[in-house]
Structure formats: C-alpha cells, structure tokens
C-alpha cells in the first residue's frame, strides 16, 4: 500500500509545475487579448493576424523598437479652419462657483449701488437677448454667471476671450434676479461709452434730426419705456440731466428691452452742458404738463388758470409759499418765469432740428428747461386732454410727441421730394 501511494505521488509531481505554468500563460494571453493586439501567437506556434478597422493607421510593433529609442508622438491634427468657430475649438474654460465665493457678492453690489456703478464703471445685464444685443453693439464683458453651459455657447466665441466664465446654481441666480422668470445668465459689463458703440445699421439709416431730453425722470419703468419709444421713433440721441434715475439701473434696462444699445444715451448732464450736445440751430421744445392752463392760454383765457399753474410751478421748485403768493398777486413772477409760447403738439414744430424735453410726473420740467426753450425759440407743446384729467403719463406723452415729430418730418421730406420732381 505504501508503495502504491508513493508511486501515485511520483506520478502527480511532474504535473504540478505544468498546471502552474499553464495558468500563468493563460493570464498573460488573456491580458494580451484585452489590449486588442494586431497579431496573436499561440504556444503551438500558430499566428493569427487581426484585421484593422478602416481608417486606423498601423502601429509599430513593440519588438521592432529598440529599448532606448523614445516613441515619436504624432502631432495633434488641427482644424482646417484658421480661426476657432466653436466653443470647444477656442479652448475656453469656466470655473464653478463655491460656497462663499466673493465674486458672486459683486453682482448685488452693482445692482443696488448707483455710486458703485459710476465709480467702477460697470453695469449688470441679465437675459440672453439683452446680452446678445450688448455684445453686438460692442459692449465689453468682464464676467458671465450662468447656470447651463449652452447659454454661454450661444454667444459669439470671439467676444468671450479674456472674460471670466463662472458656472453657478440656478437657485443662486433666482436669488439675485429681479425677473419673475430668470433666464439663467447674467453678465457684468464695462459701462458703455456712446462714442465707441456700434449701433445697428438699420437704426442709423432711420435716424431723424430729433433729440430727447429727460428732465427729472425718476421712475425706472417710465424711463425705460421712454428710451424704447425714442429708439422706435428714430431719435438721434437721448440726453439725461442730473436728477434722473440712472439709465443703467436694472429696472430701466429691463423696461428698455434693448433700446440702450440702439440709440446713444448720455447720462447725468448739467443743464449748462446740454447745449454742447445739440446740433447747431436746434430748437428745444418742452412737453407741457399744466394742461388746463395751457389750453386756457391758447384760447386767451389764461387768467382763470394761470395762477394755479404758476403756484404749482413755484411749489414744485421749493419757493417759499408767502413769496409765491406775493409774486402771483403783484405779477412779479412774469419777470423770472420764461415766456414760452404754447402750441398744440400736432402743429408743425420740426422745421429746424428739434429737441423735446420730457419732465417727470411729480416734479415736472425744470426752470432751466424753460429757459433753454426760450433762448432757442422753442414752444410749450400741449397734448389736449379731457377736462378733469391732470396730465398724461410721462412715457405716454413722450411717445406721442416723438412719433408726431417723426410724422411731421416724413411729411416734410415727401413735400421736398415732390417739389424736386416738379423742377
């Protein structure tokens, strides 16, 4: 029995190394197969060559390369186009905002602080359409905050070079946004300079010798609507005097619907500087905001309403009530109150380059605007209203006057064209 066991052990011993070697070889060949080799050589000596996929270049066999010879790397293939046309080809990168990122706090600072906007020379734009209009007009972006990458990919690639791109959560944008439905993208831009902007060619083609001067307009919604009407009517320029709301405030931008990048806007002017921005021989007309008095003045019955209008003007501009009463009784107010003729808005007032002054609903037009109208031969333009109605909304009055001016200019151009054809 012992001899039998010994014989069996002797028979099994030679087989153990064979099994171990075979297991190592199997693992080695399996790893080789996973690497997708070009040739497979089996232990029996049989060689199998695998077919290459179409379009793939043959790789140099490892056995043919010397151990000290470094492999030559193929240079990356460049796009046939000379300039990058896609976001990926341009090599742009973006960062992800983290909790407590200080870059995010600057957004709210710009939104809420007019002094910061004026000192730093930066504004905040929100929404894809408004940002696209700004980039088209030549506004310079500094930082973009976005919640989805496709919002950035929609913008021109050449405008994004050197701009900080920061991806944030949509919930954060909702916290910052004033919109009911945020669009997921906000941008900080350098404050546009009207002299360096590129306005649409169609807008320049339809520009009229008609300017708008905003005086004491303090409601953001009204100013934005007025700027939109000015762009629609074809105004050549919009001037904002000191005392008006900031034209680049987010609420004004939202109400303007892109008008800021269609018509030149000059902000925060002193009245002494206003004539410097007017073309030669411009007549400055004032939108009348004392309707009943103006209607009575046109019908030579101003005595009934003149005192009411003058008293209102004196109180608005903070004159002492006792002095106001004394001036009204003695007629002294006629000495300092500019004498500007009242005229219906639908009569011709665009024979020369014209500018229209629109005052705020609360404070009305300033004394300086009436003085400028008097010195340039302008008129007080009256929009008749039904008795009992004090005055129209500032934005509504501006729209009526601007489009009436556009109509008068078009009629005059048609008459001139007809006269030339006769000669």
Protein backbone atom coordinates (compact mmCIF):
# COMPACT_ATOMS: atom_id res chain seq x y z
CA UNK A 1 0.00 0.00 0.00
CA UNK A 2 2.80 2.38 0.89
CA UNK A 3 4.48 1.55 -2.37
CA UNK A 4 1.24 2.34 -4.23
CA UNK A 5 0.89 5.75 -2.56
CA UNK A 6 4.49 6.56 -3.26
CA UNK A 7 4.05 5.63 -6.92
CA UNK A 8 0.97 7.86 -7.14
CA UNK A 9 2.88 10.83 -5.59
CA UNK A 10 5.65 10.30 -8.06
CA UNK A 11 3.15 10.35 -10.90
CA UNK A 12 1.45 13.56 -9.74
CA UNK A 13 4.58 15.68 -9.02
CA UNK A 14 5.56 16.29 -12.67
CA UNK A 15 2.06 17.60 -13.39
CA UNK A 16 2.07 20.43 -10.78
CA UNK A 17 4.54 22.78 -12.48
CA UNK A 18 2.79 22.22 -15.79
CA UNK A 19 -0.54 23.38 -14.34
CA UNK A 20 1.04 26.45 -12.67
CA UNK A 21 2.89 27.45 -15.83
CA UNK A 22 -0.24 26.96 -17.91
CA UNK A 23 -2.21 29.21 -15.52
CA UNK A 24 0.38 32.00 -15.83
CA UNK A 25 0.39 31.68 -19.60
CA UNK A 26 -3.38 31.84 -19.73
CA UNK A 27 -3.49 35.05 -17.73
CA UNK A 28 -0.79 36.57 -19.86
CA UNK A 29 -2.57 35.73 -23.11
CA UNK A 30 -5.90 36.96 -21.76
CA UNK A 31 -4.32 40.32 -20.89
CA UNK A 32 -2.86 40.47 -24.37
CA UNK A 33 -6.22 39.82 -25.94
CA UNK A 34 -7.79 42.60 -23.90
CA UNK A 35 -5.27 45.01 -25.38
CA UNK A 36 -6.55 44.30 -28.88
CA UNK A 37 -3.18 43.20 -30.42
CA UNK A 38 -2.54 43.12 -34.13
CA UNK A 39 -1.10 39.59 -34.01
CA UNK A 40 -1.75 36.67 -31.68
CA UNK A 41 0.84 33.87 -31.39
CA UNK A 42 -0.35 30.70 -29.66
CA UNK A 43 2.00 28.26 -27.78
CA UNK A 44 1.68 25.85 -30.62
CA UNK A 45 3.32 28.42 -32.92
CA UNK A 46 0.17 29.27 -34.79
CA UNK A 47 -0.07 33.00 -35.64
CA UNK A 48 -3.34 34.84 -36.19
CA UNK A 49 -3.37 38.38 -37.60
CA UNK A 50 -6.37 40.57 -36.73
CA UNK A 51 -7.92 42.83 -39.32
CA UNK A 52 -7.54 46.54 -38.68
CA UNK A 53 -10.57 48.79 -38.53
CA UNK A 54 -10.93 51.00 -41.61
CA UNK A 55 -9.22 54.36 -41.26
CA UNK A 56 -6.78 53.26 -38.50
CA UNK A 57 -3.07 53.60 -39.05
CA UNK A 58 -0.85 50.54 -38.30
CA UNK A 59 1.12 50.80 -35.07
CA UNK A 60 4.75 49.93 -34.90
CA UNK A 61 5.40 46.57 -33.24
CA UNK A 62 6.95 46.75 -29.82
CA UNK A 63 9.53 44.09 -30.69
CA UNK A 64 10.85 46.21 -33.57
CA UNK A 65 11.52 49.25 -31.39
CA UNK A 66 14.82 49.43 -29.58
CA UNK A 67 14.54 49.72 -25.77
CA UNK A 68 16.37 53.06 -25.74
CA UNK A 69 14.52 54.66 -28.67
CA UNK A 70 11.74 57.01 -27.49
CA UNK A 71 8.42 56.74 -29.21
CA UNK A 72 7.58 59.53 -31.62
CA UNK A 73 4.30 61.27 -30.75
CA UNK A 74 2.11 62.28 -33.62
CA UNK A 75 1.22 66.00 -33.60
CA UNK A 76 -2.45 66.67 -33.00
CA UNK A 77 -4.45 67.30 -36.13
CA UNK A 78 -5.68 70.90 -36.32
CA UNK A 79 -8.99 72.02 -37.67
CA UNK A 80 -8.82 73.14 -41.32
CA UNK A 81 -10.35 76.50 -40.35
CA UNK A 82 -7.87 79.22 -39.36
CA UNK A 83 -9.98 80.67 -36.56
CA UNK A 84 -11.96 78.71 -33.97
CA UNK A 85 -15.64 78.59 -34.81
CA UNK A 86 -16.92 76.51 -31.93
CA UNK A 87 -16.72 76.86 -28.17
CA UNK A 88 -14.60 73.71 -27.81
CA UNK A 89 -12.08 74.71 -30.52
CA UNK A 90 -11.48 78.08 -28.90
CA UNK A 91 -10.15 76.45 -25.73
CA UNK A 92 -12.38 78.45 -23.39
CA UNK A 93 -12.60 77.33 -19.78
CA UNK A 94 -15.02 78.12 -16.97
CA UNK A 95 -14.94 77.90 -13.19
CA UNK A 96 -17.54 76.54 -10.82
CA UNK A 97 -18.57 78.83 -8.00
CA UNK A 98 -18.13 77.53 -4.49
CA UNK A 99 -19.91 78.44 -1.30
CA UNK A 100 -18.94 81.91 -0.10
CA UNK A 101 -17.37 82.91 -3.45
CA UNK A 102 -16.68 86.65 -3.22
CA UNK A 103 -17.13 87.10 -6.94
CA UNK A 104 -20.83 86.48 -6.52
CA UNK A 105 -21.33 89.27 -3.99
CA UNK A 106 -20.17 91.86 -6.51
CA UNK A 107 -23.33 91.21 -8.54
CA UNK A 108 -25.69 92.51 -5.89
CA UNK A 109 -23.37 95.44 -5.19
CA UNK A 110 -23.64 96.56 -8.80
CA UNK A 111 -27.39 96.06 -8.81
CA UNK A 112 -28.15 98.10 -5.71
CA UNK A 113 -25.48 100.80 -5.70
CA UNK A 114 -25.52 103.60 -8.26
CA UNK A 115 -22.34 105.20 -6.80
CA UNK A 116 -20.55 101.87 -7.21
CA UNK A 117 -21.67 101.61 -10.85
CA UNK A 118 -20.46 105.12 -11.57
CA UNK A 119 -17.19 104.75 -9.67
CA UNK A 120 -16.27 101.31 -11.00
CA UNK A 121 -17.74 101.92 -14.45
CA UNK A 122 -19.59 98.60 -14.52
CA UNK A 123 -23.17 97.56 -15.19
CA UNK A 124 -25.15 94.34 -14.85
CA UNK A 125 -27.08 92.84 -17.76
CA UNK A 126 -29.44 89.89 -17.46
CA UNK A 127 -31.01 87.70 -20.10
CA UNK A 128 -29.72 86.16 -23.32
CA UNK A 129 -31.31 88.68 -25.68
CA UNK A 130 -30.07 91.76 -23.80
CA UNK A 131 -26.56 90.32 -23.52
CA UNK A 132 -26.53 89.42 -27.23
CA UNK A 133 -27.60 92.99 -28.15
CA UNK A 134 -24.89 94.43 -25.92
CA UNK A 135 -22.17 92.25 -27.47
CA UNK A 136 -23.36 93.12 -30.98
CA UNK A 137 -23.16 96.84 -30.15
CA UNK A 138 -19.59 96.50 -28.89
CA UNK A 139 -20.12 96.47 -25.13
CA UNK A 140 -17.16 94.93 -23.29
CA UNK A 141 -17.98 91.97 -20.98
CA UNK A 142 -15.99 91.29 -17.83
CA UNK A 143 -17.71 88.35 -16.09
CA UNK A 144 -20.52 85.96 -17.00
CA UNK A 145 -22.51 83.97 -14.45
CA UNK A 146 -24.52 81.13 -15.98
CA UNK A 147 -26.39 78.04 -14.83
CA UNK A 148 -26.19 75.99 -18.04
CA UNK A 149 -23.27 75.69 -20.42
CA UNK A 150 -25.42 76.04 -23.56
CA UNK A 151 -26.27 79.62 -22.58
CA UNK A 152 -22.60 80.55 -22.97
CA UNK A 153 -22.21 78.53 -26.17
CA UNK A 154 -24.92 80.67 -27.78
CA UNK A 155 -22.71 83.76 -27.51
CA UNK A 156 -20.05 84.70 -30.10
CA UNK A 157 -16.79 82.94 -29.30
CA UNK A 158 -14.60 85.91 -30.24
CA UNK A 159 -16.40 88.08 -27.66
CA UNK A 160 -15.58 85.72 -24.79
CA UNK A 161 -11.80 85.85 -24.89
CA UNK A 162 -10.41 87.17 -21.63
CA UNK A 163 -13.82 87.03 -19.93
CA UNK A 164 -14.29 85.23 -16.60
CA UNK A 165 -16.88 82.47 -17.01
CA UNK A 166 -18.40 81.20 -13.77
CA UNK A 167 -20.95 78.41 -13.55
CA UNK A 168 -23.39 78.79 -10.64
CA UNK A 169 -26.53 77.10 -9.47
CA UNK A 170 -29.80 78.29 -10.93
CA UNK A 171 -31.14 78.81 -7.41
CA UNK A 172 -28.42 81.41 -6.83
CA UNK A 173 -29.38 83.29 -10.00
CA UNK A 174 -33.00 83.26 -8.85
CA UNK A 175 -31.93 84.89 -5.59
CA UNK A 176 -30.09 87.69 -7.43
CA UNK A 177 -32.52 88.24 -10.29
CA UNK A 178 -35.29 90.83 -10.42
CA UNK A 179 -37.06 88.89 -13.17
CA UNK A 180 -40.13 86.80 -12.48
CA UNK A 181 -38.66 84.08 -14.72
CA UNK A 182 -34.83 84.29 -14.67
CA UNK A 183 -33.10 83.19 -17.86
CA UNK A 184 -30.07 81.64 -16.21
CA UNK A 185 -27.36 84.04 -17.37
CA UNK A 186 -26.07 87.38 -16.06
CA UNK A 187 -23.11 89.47 -17.18
CA UNK A 188 -21.03 92.28 -15.74
CA UNK A 189 -20.02 94.73 -18.47
CA UNK A 190 -17.91 97.84 -18.63
CA UNK A 191 -20.21 100.86 -18.71
CA UNK A 192 -20.78 101.56 -22.43
CA UNK A 193 -19.38 104.73 -23.99
CA UNK A 194 -21.83 106.09 -26.58
CA UNK A 195 -18.90 107.31 -28.70
CA UNK A 196 -17.44 103.81 -29.03
CA UNK A 197 -20.62 101.84 -29.56
CA UNK A 198 -21.62 100.27 -32.89
CA UNK A 199 -25.34 100.81 -33.34
CA UNK A 200 -27.43 98.78 -35.82
CA UNK A 201 -27.18 99.95 -39.43
CA UNK A 202 -30.95 99.95 -39.81
CA UNK A 203 -31.21 102.23 -36.77
CA UNK A 204 -28.64 104.64 -38.17
CA UNK A 205 -30.38 104.62 -41.55
CA UNK A 206 -33.67 105.74 -39.98
CA UNK A 207 -32.18 108.29 -37.59
CA UNK A 208 -34.02 111.63 -37.57
CA UNK A 209 -32.93 115.17 -36.57
CA UNK A 210 -34.89 114.67 -33.38
CA UNK A 211 -33.46 114.53 -29.85
CA UNK A 212 -34.97 113.73 -26.48
CA UNK A 213 -34.03 115.44 -23.22
CA UNK A 214 -35.18 113.80 -19.99
CA UNK A 215 -35.66 116.17 -17.06
CA UNK A 216 -36.29 114.93 -13.51
CA UNK A 217 -37.46 111.50 -14.63
CA UNK A 218 -37.17 109.35 -11.51
CA UNK A 219 -39.33 106.31 -12.27
CA UNK A 220 -37.25 103.44 -13.75
CA UNK A 221 -40.19 101.94 -15.64
CA UNK A 222 -41.08 105.26 -17.24
CA UNK A 223 -37.52 105.97 -18.32
CA UNK A 224 -37.09 102.51 -19.82
CA UNK A 225 -40.33 102.87 -21.78
CA UNK A 226 -39.30 106.35 -22.98
CA UNK A 227 -35.95 105.02 -24.20
CA UNK A 228 -37.76 102.27 -26.07
CA UNK A 229 -40.04 104.86 -27.73
CA UNK A 230 -37.04 107.03 -28.60
CA UNK A 231 -35.34 104.11 -30.35
CA UNK A 232 -38.57 103.23 -32.15
CA UNK A 233 -39.15 106.78 -33.36
CA UNK A 234 -35.58 107.12 -34.63
CA UNK A 235 -34.18 109.68 -32.20
CA UNK A 236 -30.57 110.55 -32.89
CA UNK A 237 -29.69 110.98 -29.22
CA UNK A 238 -31.12 110.89 -25.69
CA UNK A 239 -29.81 113.28 -23.02
CA UNK A 240 -30.43 112.71 -19.30
CA UNK A 241 -29.94 115.60 -16.91
CA UNK A 242 -28.93 115.32 -13.28
CA UNK A 243 -31.88 114.30 -11.16
CA UNK A 244 -32.97 111.49 -13.49
CA UNK A 245 -32.83 107.87 -12.49
CA UNK A 246 -29.70 106.03 -13.66
CA UNK A 247 -30.23 104.81 -17.22
CA UNK A 248 -28.20 101.66 -16.46
CA UNK A 249 -30.22 100.58 -13.46
CA UNK A 250 -31.51 97.01 -13.92
CA UNK A 251 -35.19 98.06 -13.89
CA UNK A 252 -34.55 100.67 -16.59
CA UNK A 253 -32.64 98.11 -18.66
CA UNK A 254 -35.46 95.63 -18.35
CA UNK A 255 -38.11 98.17 -19.39
CA UNK A 256 -35.92 99.42 -22.26
CA UNK A 257 -35.88 95.99 -23.96
CA UNK A 258 -32.52 96.61 -25.66
CA UNK A 259 -33.07 100.29 -26.52
CA UNK A 260 -29.87 101.15 -24.63
CA UNK A 261 -27.90 99.56 -27.48
CA UNK A 262 -29.90 101.11 -30.32
CA UNK A 263 -29.75 104.83 -29.54
CA UNK A 264 -26.91 106.89 -27.97
CA UNK A 265 -27.60 107.75 -24.32
CA UNK A 266 -25.68 110.49 -22.50
CA UNK A 267 -26.24 110.32 -18.76
CA UNK A 268 -26.05 112.70 -15.79
CA UNK A 269 -25.63 116.05 -17.59
CA UNK A 270 -25.68 119.51 -16.05
CA UNK A 271 -28.04 121.91 -17.80
CA UNK A 272 -25.11 124.16 -18.68
CA UNK A 273 -23.60 121.29 -20.69
CA UNK A 274 -26.78 120.31 -22.57
CA UNK A 275 -26.31 122.82 -25.46
CA UNK A 276 -22.92 121.24 -26.20
CA UNK A 277 -24.68 118.02 -27.23
CA UNK A 278 -27.24 119.68 -29.50
CA UNK A 279 -26.74 120.20 -33.25
CA UNK A 280 -26.48 123.81 -34.43
CA UNK A 281 -29.76 125.76 -34.68
CA UNK A 282 -31.65 123.21 -32.60
CA UNK A 283 -34.95 124.40 -31.16
CA UNK A 284 -35.78 122.98 -27.76
CA UNK A 285 -39.48 122.35 -27.12
CA UNK A 286 -40.98 121.49 -23.76
CA UNK A 287 -43.77 118.98 -23.18
CA UNK A 288 -46.38 120.99 -21.26
CA UNK A 289 -47.52 119.38 -18.03
CA UNK A 290 -50.01 122.08 -16.99
CA UNK A 291 -52.74 121.15 -19.41
CA UNK A 292 -55.70 123.29 -18.29
CA UNK A 293 -53.57 126.41 -18.03
CA UNK A 294 -52.08 125.83 -21.47
CA UNK A 295 -55.49 125.23 -23.06
CA UNK A 296 -56.81 128.41 -21.49
CA UNK A 297 -53.72 130.31 -22.64
CA UNK A 298 -54.28 129.17 -26.21
CA UNK A 299 -57.87 130.49 -26.05
CA UNK A 300 -56.77 133.81 -24.41
CA UNK A 301 -58.46 132.89 -21.14
CA UNK A 302 -55.37 132.20 -19.10
CA UNK A 303 -56.43 134.47 -16.25
CA UNK A 304 -58.60 131.72 -14.77
CA UNK A 305 -55.86 129.09 -14.69
CA UNK A 306 -52.57 130.96 -14.86
CA UNK A 307 -52.39 131.45 -11.10
CA UNK A 308 -52.96 127.76 -10.49
CA UNK A 309 -50.18 126.71 -12.85
CA UNK A 310 -47.69 129.30 -11.60
CA UNK A 311 -48.41 128.39 -7.97
CA UNK A 312 -47.85 124.73 -8.79
CA UNK A 313 -44.56 125.53 -10.52
CA UNK A 314 -43.36 127.63 -7.59
CA UNK A 315 -44.18 124.94 -5.04
CA UNK A 316 -42.57 122.19 -7.10
CA UNK A 317 -39.31 124.12 -7.24
CA UNK A 318 -39.37 124.86 -3.49
CA UNK A 319 -40.11 128.55 -3.46
CA UNK A 320 -41.50 129.94 -0.22
CA UNK A 321 -45.31 129.90 -0.19
CA UNK A 322 -45.56 133.50 1.05
CA UNK A 323 -43.16 134.70 -1.65
CA UNK A 324 -45.11 132.71 -4.21
CA UNK A 325 -48.41 134.35 -3.16
CA UNK A 326 -46.81 137.82 -3.26
CA UNK A 327 -45.34 137.21 -6.70
CA UNK A 328 -48.65 135.96 -8.02
CA UNK A 329 -50.54 138.96 -6.68
CA UNK A 330 -48.06 141.54 -7.95
CA UNK A 331 -47.29 139.76 -11.20
CA UNK A 332 -43.59 139.64 -10.36
CA UNK A 333 -43.41 136.02 -11.41
CA UNK A 334 -43.58 137.08 -15.04
CA UNK A 335 -40.13 138.58 -14.63
CA UNK A 336 -38.33 135.34 -13.87
CA UNK A 337 -40.66 132.73 -15.39
CA UNK A 338 -39.61 132.27 -19.06
CA UNK A 339 -42.18 133.37 -21.59
CA UNK A 340 -42.57 130.35 -23.87
CA UNK A 341 -45.43 130.25 -26.35
CA UNK A 342 -47.90 127.40 -26.04
CA UNK A 343 -48.67 125.39 -29.17
CA UNK A 344 -50.70 122.28 -29.90
CA UNK A 345 -48.50 119.24 -30.39
CA UNK A 346 -49.95 118.44 -33.83
CA UNK A 347 -48.94 121.79 -35.36
CA UNK A 348 -45.62 121.98 -37.18
CA UNK A 349 -42.66 122.31 -34.80
CA UNK A 350 -39.95 120.36 -36.67
CA UNK A 351 -38.93 122.96 -39.27
CA UNK A 352 -35.47 123.01 -37.62
CA UNK A 353 -33.56 120.26 -35.79
CA UNK A 354 -35.76 119.73 -32.75
CA UNK A 355 -35.29 118.53 -29.20
CA UNK A 356 -38.15 117.63 -26.86
CA UNK A 357 -37.91 117.95 -23.08
CA UNK A 358 -39.94 115.44 -21.06
CA UNK A 359 -40.36 116.12 -17.34
CA UNK A 360 -41.19 113.76 -14.52
CA UNK A 361 -44.75 113.32 -13.34
CA UNK A 362 -44.02 114.51 -9.81
CA UNK A 363 -41.68 117.46 -10.35
CA UNK A 364 -42.43 118.35 -13.94
CA UNK A 365 -39.95 120.24 -16.10
CA UNK A 366 -37.29 122.42 -14.52
CA UNK A 367 -36.86 126.16 -14.81
CA UNK A 368 -33.65 125.54 -16.77
CA UNK A 369 -35.56 123.65 -19.47
CA UNK A 370 -37.97 126.57 -19.94
CA UNK A 371 -35.06 128.98 -20.14
CA UNK A 372 -33.39 126.82 -22.80
CA UNK A 373 -36.64 126.64 -24.76
CA UNK A 374 -37.00 130.43 -24.61
CA UNK A 375 -33.43 131.06 -25.74
CA UNK A 376 -33.72 128.69 -28.73
CA UNK A 377 -37.15 129.83 -29.89
CA UNK A 378 -38.92 126.66 -28.80
CA UNK A 379 -42.53 126.12 -27.76
CA UNK A 380 -44.52 124.51 -24.99
CA UNK A 381 -46.16 121.57 -26.74
CA UNK A 382 -49.64 120.82 -25.47
CA UNK A 383 -51.40 117.46 -25.73
CA UNK A 384 -55.08 118.30 -25.10
CA UNK A 385 -56.79 116.12 -22.51
CA UNK A 386 -60.36 115.82 -21.30
CA UNK A 387 -61.19 118.31 -18.52
CA UNK A 388 -60.61 116.75 -15.13
CA UNK A 389 -57.53 114.82 -16.23
CA UNK A 390 -54.43 116.47 -14.80
CA UNK A 391 -51.75 115.20 -17.19
CA UNK A 392 -50.62 112.17 -19.14
CA UNK A 393 -48.07 109.66 -18.01
CA UNK A 394 -44.55 110.85 -18.89
CA UNK A 395 -43.83 107.81 -21.03
CA UNK A 396 -47.12 108.20 -22.88
CA UNK A 397 -46.57 111.92 -23.50
CA UNK A 398 -43.04 111.28 -24.77
CA UNK A 399 -44.26 108.59 -27.17
CA UNK A 400 -46.99 110.85 -28.59
CA UNK A 401 -44.63 113.78 -29.15
CA UNK A 402 -41.78 111.73 -30.62
CA UNK A 403 -43.94 109.90 -33.13
CA UNK A 404 -45.73 113.13 -34.01
CA UNK A 405 -42.32 114.65 -34.71
CA UNK A 406 -41.47 111.65 -36.87
CA UNK A 407 -44.72 112.09 -38.82
CA UNK A 408 -44.04 115.78 -39.42
CA UNK A 409 -40.51 115.06 -40.64
CA UNK A 410 -41.76 112.38 -43.00
CA UNK A 411 -44.42 114.69 -44.45
CA UNK A 412 -41.83 117.45 -44.95
CA UNK A 413 -39.48 115.01 -46.71
CA UNK A 414 -42.29 113.93 -49.04
CA UNK A 415 -43.09 117.56 -49.89
CA UNK A 416 -39.45 118.30 -50.65
CA UNK A 417 -39.19 115.22 -52.84
CA UNK A 418 -42.34 116.24 -54.72
CA UNK A 419 -41.06 119.78 -55.25
CA UNK A 420 -37.78 118.49 -56.64
CA UNK A 421 -39.55 116.20 -59.06
CA UNK A 422 -41.56 119.16 -60.44
CA UNK A 423 -38.38 121.14 -61.10
